[in-house]
Amino acid sequence: MRELAERGVLQGQTGAYVSTADVSEARVPATLQATIAARIDRLDPKAKSTLSAAAVIGSKFSRDLLEPLGIDPVLDDLVSGELIDQITFTGNPAYVFHHPLIRTVAYESQLKSDRAELHRRLAAAIEAREPQSADQNAALIAEHVEAAGDLHGAYAWHMRAATWATNRDIGAAHTSWRRARQVADRLPDDDPDRMANRITPRTLLCASAWRVGGSGADTGFNELRELCAATGDQRSLAIGMAGLVTEHFLKANRREASRLAAEHVELLESIGDPTLAVALSFAALVAKQDTGEMAEVMRWAQRVIDLAEGDPAKGNLIIGSPLAVAIAWRGTARWCLGIAGWNDDVHQAIATAHAFDPTTFGGHLVYVR
């Protein structure tokens, strides 16, 4: 009805239109999208530019984001034409599209090059407007940088968003890592950063899988294994595998956890990095303990203690004091196997944790009690 009224086929106002045109002029576009596109094409150039820029911003927008895009906003005409609606009227007024399909048509009808430039400007504007909140806005900035066609920039912003969210919202962090993974997979084969960029988000997805649920297939562990084999990156594989072992343990997949734990220990030994081995030791320890393989628990716990060389902070990437944890597990294994000295290990573990890390100390006290 609006489209026919704008073409002059109908005269009057809503609820009281009269057709004054010849019946041959009363043509209706074939689709609703075509109807909306025709209405947009008839807009004043400034109003049309405003609508196009608003479509890039999102379903909700305000004048202060339109102006940095090089737009002299014309909003009243769009409101009166019921293409957008004003939803707040004080301070910095906010607007929304009258219908999601209007935004879709306004967005898709732009030249890709023009749309990409608007996305690039918008990403810069969001970062410049609140530089102190760049990390918090990283996911939004990443979306616009990616839409602008800057794959390297988008990858960096997705990873930055995941880093900010890791200890705030692990689900959001996983979403950003998955987006980063998708971007990395789109990099050209001859890009020197392609393999490293493909490995890193997969490593982090696998390493933290136990925090959000899912499976190895969800996080792409098999892909990670293949990529690491192709590049010889055993460190990333070890980090990802630690998360997968822990995930199997938490899901009571005991046999698979034990099998993978044995492979993980062999991998860590082959890498020969004491700090990495100490940091990731917890995964194998809990998996082997869960299947009652206490001799293996004691062997690996002793290995970790030797590698830590008395440093309670060594390898504290995930657990506050891996040394304290290893001593506690050695005491548990000795107790189960009837080997003297287990009580001394328990007290030493508590003392080590108490002097270094309150969280590990609290966990030890609960475990002992």
Foldseek 3Di string as FASTA:
>chain_A
DLLCVVVVQWDDDPPDIDGDDDPVPPDDDPDPLVSLLSVLVPDDPLALLQLLLVLLVHQKDFPVLSVLLVHPHDCPVCCVSQQKHWDDDPDTTMIGGSDPSSSVSSHVVDDLQSSLSSLVSSLVSVCVVCVVCCLVCLQVSLVSNVSNVNLVSSLVSLCSNLVVCVVPPNVSNLVSLVVQLVSLVPDDPPDPCSLVSNQVSLLVCLLCCLVPPDACVVSVLVVNVVSCVVVVPLLSNLSSLLSRLQNCVVVVVQVVSQVSLVVSQVSVVVVPDLLSCLLSVVSNLSSCVVVVVLVVLLVSLVVNLVSCVPPQPRNPPPPFGSNLVSLLSNLVSCVVVVHPDSVVSLVVSLVSCVVTPPVSNVVSVVVVD
